[in-house]
Amino acid sequence: MRTGWTCSSSSRRWSIWPTAIGHGALPSYLAGVMKPHAGIYAEAERRFGLEPAATVFIDDRADNIAAARARGWRGIVHGGYHSTLAALRDLEVACGRPDP
């Protein structure tokens, strides 16, 4: 499973964030738009070769999830570790670590 993330951040703030998390990151200042604008999801698809139906997006904002779902992505509104883990398992995403 590949992982990546998006961030609503400026270039100045981005320079202090960890960039080696997952398989890629897409800060909004590089995409030219912020979530929930459809353009950031389109840019993620292009940049990382994502297939919308095979993409799971997790975010703490329902409007960002709605925008991802409008592009055909599967979405999970993050409410906490246990609820997100359960939602991933409901989508049959392999989760390697057992519940703490």
N, C-alpha and C. Protein backbone atom coordinates (compact mmCIF):
# COMPACT_ATOMS: atom_id res chain seq x y z
N MET A 1 0.84 -1.16 0.00
CA MET A 1 0.00 0.00 0.00
C MET A 1 0.89 1.24 0.00
N ARG A 2 0.56 2.16 -0.88
CA ARG A 2 1.27 3.43 -0.91
C ARG A 2 0.53 4.44 -0.05
N THR A 3 1.26 5.34 0.57
CA THR A 3 0.65 6.39 1.37
C THR A 3 1.21 7.75 0.95
N GLY A 4 0.40 8.75 1.11
CA GLY A 4 0.83 10.10 0.80
C GLY A 4 -0.04 11.07 1.58
N TRP A 5 0.24 12.34 1.46
CA TRP A 5 -0.57 13.31 2.18
C TRP A 5 -0.56 14.65 1.48
N THR A 6 -1.61 15.42 1.77
CA THR A 6 -1.70 16.79 1.28
C THR A 6 -1.70 17.71 2.49
N CYS A 7 -1.31 18.93 2.25
CA CYS A 7 -1.23 19.88 3.37
C CYS A 7 -1.57 21.27 2.85
N SER A 8 -2.40 21.96 3.58
CA SER A 8 -2.70 23.36 3.27
C SER A 8 -1.64 24.21 3.94
N SER A 9 -0.58 24.49 3.20
CA SER A 9 0.56 25.15 3.80
C SER A 9 1.24 26.06 2.78
N SER A 10 1.93 27.06 3.30
CA SER A 10 2.75 27.94 2.47
C SER A 10 4.14 27.33 2.32
N SER A 11 4.90 27.85 1.38
CA SER A 11 6.26 27.32 1.18
C SER A 11 7.12 27.54 2.42
N ARG A 12 6.92 28.64 3.11
CA ARG A 12 7.70 28.92 4.33
C ARG A 12 7.40 27.90 5.42
N ARG A 13 6.11 27.64 5.65
CA ARG A 13 5.73 26.66 6.67
C ARG A 13 6.13 25.26 6.24
N TRP A 14 6.03 24.95 4.95
CA TRP A 14 6.33 23.61 4.47
C TRP A 14 7.78 23.24 4.74
N SER A 15 8.68 24.21 4.70
CA SER A 15 10.10 23.93 4.87
C SER A 15 10.43 23.33 6.24
N ILE A 16 9.56 23.50 7.23
CA ILE A 16 9.84 22.93 8.56
C ILE A 16 9.08 21.63 8.81
N TRP A 17 8.22 21.22 7.86
CA TRP A 17 7.45 19.98 8.02
C TRP A 17 8.26 18.79 7.54
N PRO A 18 8.02 17.61 8.12
CA PRO A 18 8.72 16.42 7.63
C PRO A 18 8.23 16.08 6.23
N THR A 19 9.16 15.82 5.33
CA THR A 19 8.77 15.52 3.95
C THR A 19 9.02 14.07 3.57
N ALA A 20 9.52 13.27 4.46
CA ALA A 20 9.82 11.88 4.14
C ALA A 20 8.75 10.93 4.69
N ILE A 21 7.52 11.41 4.78
CA ILE A 21 6.44 10.58 5.28
C ILE A 21 5.71 9.98 4.09
N GLY A 22 5.59 8.67 4.07
CA GLY A 22 4.85 8.02 3.01
C GLY A 22 5.58 8.06 1.68
N HIS A 23 4.80 7.96 0.61
CA HIS A 23 5.35 7.89 -0.74
C HIS A 23 5.30 9.22 -1.47
N GLY A 24 4.81 10.23 -0.82
CA GLY A 24 4.77 11.53 -1.45
C GLY A 24 3.90 12.48 -0.67
N ALA A 25 4.09 13.75 -0.93
CA ALA A 25 3.30 14.78 -0.27
C ALA A 25 2.99 15.86 -1.29
N LEU A 26 1.87 16.51 -1.13
CA LEU A 26 1.45 17.57 -2.04
C LEU A 26 0.97 18.77 -1.23
N PRO A 27 1.88 19.70 -0.94
CA PRO A 27 1.43 20.90 -0.24
C PRO A 27 0.63 21.79 -1.20
N SER A 28 -0.33 22.50 -0.66
CA SER A 28 -1.24 23.30 -1.49
C SER A 28 -0.50 24.38 -2.27
N TYR A 29 0.58 24.91 -1.74
CA TYR A 29 1.28 25.96 -2.49
C TYR A 29 1.89 25.42 -3.78
N LEU A 30 2.21 24.13 -3.84
CA LEU A 30 2.70 23.53 -5.08
C LEU A 30 1.56 23.20 -6.03
N ALA A 31 0.42 22.82 -5.48
CA ALA A 31 -0.74 22.48 -6.32
C ALA A 31 -1.42 23.73 -6.85
N GLY A 32 -1.25 24.85 -6.15
CA GLY A 32 -1.89 26.09 -6.57
C GLY A 32 -3.32 26.23 -6.10
N VAL A 33 -3.82 25.25 -5.39
CA VAL A 33 -5.17 25.27 -4.83
C VAL A 33 -5.16 24.54 -3.49
N MET A 34 -6.20 24.79 -2.69
CA MET A 34 -6.31 24.13 -1.38
C MET A 34 -7.53 23.21 -1.36
N LYS A 35 -7.47 22.20 -0.50
CA LYS A 35 -8.66 21.38 -0.26
C LYS A 35 -9.76 22.31 0.26
N PRO A 36 -10.96 22.16 -0.14
CA PRO A 36 -11.56 21.07 -0.91
C PRO A 36 -11.67 21.33 -2.42
N HIS A 37 -10.89 22.25 -2.99
CA HIS A 37 -10.94 22.50 -4.42
C HIS A 37 -10.58 21.22 -5.19
N ALA A 38 -11.35 20.90 -6.21
CA ALA A 38 -11.15 19.67 -6.98
C ALA A 38 -9.76 19.59 -7.60
N GLY A 39 -9.15 20.74 -7.84
CA GLY A 39 -7.84 20.76 -8.48
C GLY A 39 -6.75 20.08 -7.69
N ILE A 40 -6.81 20.12 -6.37
CA ILE A 40 -5.75 19.48 -5.59
C ILE A 40 -5.85 17.96 -5.68
N TYR A 41 -7.07 17.46 -5.78
CA TYR A 41 -7.26 16.01 -5.93
C TYR A 41 -6.82 15.57 -7.33
N ALA A 42 -7.15 16.38 -8.34
CA ALA A 42 -6.72 16.08 -9.71
C ALA A 42 -5.20 16.09 -9.81
N GLU A 43 -4.55 17.05 -9.14
CA GLU A 43 -3.09 17.12 -9.16
C GLU A 43 -2.48 15.92 -8.44
N ALA A 44 -3.09 15.48 -7.35
CA ALA A 44 -2.59 14.28 -6.66
C ALA A 44 -2.71 13.06 -7.56
N GLU A 45 -3.83 12.94 -8.27
CA GLU A 45 -3.99 11.82 -9.21
C GLU A 45 -2.89 11.84 -10.27
N ARG A 46 -2.64 13.02 -10.83
CA ARG A 46 -1.64 13.15 -11.88
C ARG A 46 -0.23 12.89 -11.34
N ARG A 47 0.09 13.54 -10.25
CA ARG A 47 1.44 13.48 -9.71
C ARG A 47 1.82 12.09 -9.20
N PHE A 48 0.86 11.40 -8.58
CA PHE A 48 1.17 10.11 -7.95
C PHE A 48 0.59 8.92 -8.70
N GLY A 49 -0.05 9.16 -9.85
CA GLY A 49 -0.61 8.06 -10.64
C GLY A 49 -1.74 7.34 -9.93
N LEU A 50 -2.59 8.09 -9.24
CA LEU A 50 -3.68 7.48 -8.46
C LEU A 50 -4.86 7.10 -9.35
N GLU A 51 -5.45 5.97 -9.05
CA GLU A 51 -6.73 5.59 -9.64
C GLU A 51 -7.78 5.94 -8.60
N PRO A 52 -8.72 6.83 -8.93
CA PRO A 52 -9.69 7.28 -7.93
C PRO A 52 -10.39 6.15 -7.17
N ALA A 53 -10.86 5.13 -7.85
CA ALA A 53 -11.60 4.05 -7.17
C ALA A 53 -10.72 3.25 -6.21
N ALA A 54 -9.41 3.32 -6.40
CA ALA A 54 -8.49 2.57 -5.54
C ALA A 54 -7.80 3.48 -4.52
N THR A 55 -8.31 4.70 -4.37
CA THR A 55 -7.69 5.67 -3.47
C THR A 55 -8.56 5.90 -2.25
N VAL A 56 -7.96 5.80 -1.07
CA VAL A 56 -8.65 6.10 0.19
C VAL A 56 -8.06 7.39 0.74
N PHE A 57 -8.93 8.34 1.04
CA PHE A 57 -8.51 9.64 1.54
C PHE A 57 -9.05 9.81 2.96
N ILE A 58 -8.18 10.18 3.88
CA ILE A 58 -8.55 10.41 5.28
C ILE A 58 -8.30 11.87 5.60
N ASP A 59 -9.29 12.51 6.19
CA ASP A 59 -9.17 13.92 6.55
C ASP A 59 -10.11 14.17 7.71
N ASP A 60 -9.84 15.21 8.47
CA ASP A 60 -10.71 15.52 9.61
C ASP A 60 -11.84 16.46 9.24
N ARG A 61 -11.93 16.87 7.99
CA ARG A 61 -12.99 17.78 7.56
C ARG A 61 -13.91 17.11 6.54
N ALA A 62 -15.19 17.12 6.84
CA ALA A 62 -16.18 16.46 5.97
C ALA A 62 -16.23 17.08 4.58
N ASP A 63 -16.00 18.41 4.46
CA ASP A 63 -16.03 19.03 3.13
C ASP A 63 -14.88 18.55 2.26
N ASN A 64 -13.72 18.27 2.85
CA ASN A 64 -12.61 17.72 2.08
C ASN A 64 -12.90 16.30 1.63
N ILE A 65 -13.54 15.53 2.49
CA ILE A 65 -13.92 14.16 2.13
C ILE A 65 -14.96 14.17 1.02
N ALA A 66 -15.94 15.06 1.11
CA ALA A 66 -16.98 15.15 0.08
C ALA A 66 -16.36 15.48 -1.28
N ALA A 67 -15.38 16.37 -1.30
CA ALA A 67 -14.72 16.72 -2.56
C ALA A 67 -13.95 15.54 -3.14
N ALA A 68 -13.28 14.78 -2.28
CA ALA A 68 -12.56 13.60 -2.75
C ALA A 68 -13.53 12.55 -3.28
N ARG A 69 -14.62 12.35 -2.58
CA ARG A 69 -15.62 11.38 -3.03
C ARG A 69 -16.24 11.79 -4.36
N ALA A 70 -16.38 13.09 -4.59
CA ALA A 70 -16.92 13.58 -5.86
C ALA A 70 -16.02 13.20 -7.03
N ARG A 71 -14.75 12.95 -6.78
CA ARG A 71 -13.81 12.51 -7.82
C ARG A 71 -13.73 10.99 -7.90
N GLY A 72 -14.51 10.30 -7.06
CA GLY A 72 -14.51 8.84 -7.09
C GLY A 72 -13.61 8.19 -6.07
N TRP A 73 -12.98 8.99 -5.20
CA TRP A 73 -12.14 8.44 -4.15
C TRP A 73 -13.03 7.91 -3.03
N ARG A 74 -12.50 6.98 -2.26
CA ARG A 74 -13.18 6.57 -1.03
C ARG A 74 -12.65 7.46 0.09
N GLY A 75 -13.53 7.88 0.98
CA GLY A 75 -13.13 8.83 1.99
C GLY A 75 -13.54 8.45 3.39
N ILE A 76 -12.71 8.83 4.34
CA ILE A 76 -12.96 8.58 5.76
C ILE A 76 -12.77 9.90 6.50
N VAL A 77 -13.80 10.30 7.23
CA VAL A 77 -13.65 11.47 8.10
C VAL A 77 -12.98 10.99 9.38
N HIS A 78 -11.78 11.49 9.63
CA HIS A 78 -11.01 11.06 10.80
C HIS A 78 -11.61 11.67 12.07
N GLY A 79 -12.02 10.79 12.97
CA GLY A 79 -12.55 11.24 14.25
C GLY A 79 -11.71 10.75 15.41
N GLY A 80 -10.75 9.90 15.12
CA GLY A 80 -9.90 9.32 16.14
C GLY A 80 -9.32 8.01 15.62
N TYR A 81 -8.32 7.52 16.31
CA TYR A 81 -7.61 6.32 15.88
C TYR A 81 -8.55 5.14 15.66
N HIS A 82 -9.36 4.81 16.65
CA HIS A 82 -10.18 3.60 16.57
C HIS A 82 -11.24 3.68 15.48
N SER A 83 -11.89 4.84 15.34
CA SER A 83 -12.93 4.95 14.30
C SER A 83 -12.31 4.94 12.90
N THR A 84 -11.15 5.54 12.75
CA THR A 84 -10.48 5.53 11.44
C THR A 84 -9.98 4.13 11.11
N LEU A 85 -9.43 3.44 12.08
CA LEU A 85 -8.99 2.06 11.86
C LEU A 85 -10.17 1.18 11.47
N ALA A 86 -11.28 1.32 12.15
CA ALA A 86 -12.47 0.53 11.82
C ALA A 86 -12.96 0.85 10.41
N ALA A 87 -12.95 2.13 10.03
CA ALA A 87 -13.38 2.51 8.69
C ALA A 87 -12.44 1.94 7.63
N LEU A 88 -11.14 1.94 7.90
CA LEU A 88 -10.19 1.33 6.96
C LEU A 88 -10.46 -0.16 6.81
N ARG A 89 -10.71 -0.82 7.92
CA ARG A 89 -11.00 -2.26 7.86
C ARG A 89 -12.31 -2.52 7.13
N ASP A 90 -13.31 -1.64 7.30
CA ASP A 90 -14.57 -1.77 6.56
C ASP A 90 -14.34 -1.68 5.06
N LEU A 91 -13.33 -0.91 4.66
CA LEU A 91 -12.98 -0.79 3.24
C LEU A 91 -12.02 -1.89 2.79
N GLU A 92 -11.74 -2.82 3.71
CA GLU A 92 -10.85 -3.96 3.46
C GLU A 92 -9.42 -3.51 3.16
N VAL A 93 -8.99 -2.43 3.83
CA VAL A 93 -7.62 -1.98 3.76
C VAL A 93 -6.84 -2.75 4.83
N ALA A 94 -5.78 -3.41 4.42
CA ALA A 94 -4.97 -4.19 5.37
C ALA A 94 -4.29 -3.22 6.34
N CYS A 95 -4.53 -3.43 7.60
CA CYS A 95 -3.93 -2.62 8.66
C CYS A 95 -3.03 -3.53 9.47
N GLY A 96 -1.73 -3.32 9.37
CA GLY A 96 -0.75 -4.24 9.93
C GLY A 96 -0.65 -4.29 11.42
N ARG A 97 -0.99 -3.21 12.11
CA ARG A 97 -0.82 -3.20 13.56
C ARG A 97 -2.12 -3.56 14.25
N PRO A 98 -2.06 -4.38 15.30
CA PRO A 98 -3.27 -4.68 16.07
C PRO A 98 -3.71 -3.46 16.88
N ASP A 99 -4.92 -3.48 17.33
CA ASP A 99 -5.42 -2.39 18.19
C ASP A 99 -4.55 -2.27 19.43
N PRO A 100 -4.26 -1.02 19.85
CA PRO A 100 -3.45 -0.86 21.09
C PRO A 100 -4.28 -1.17 22.31
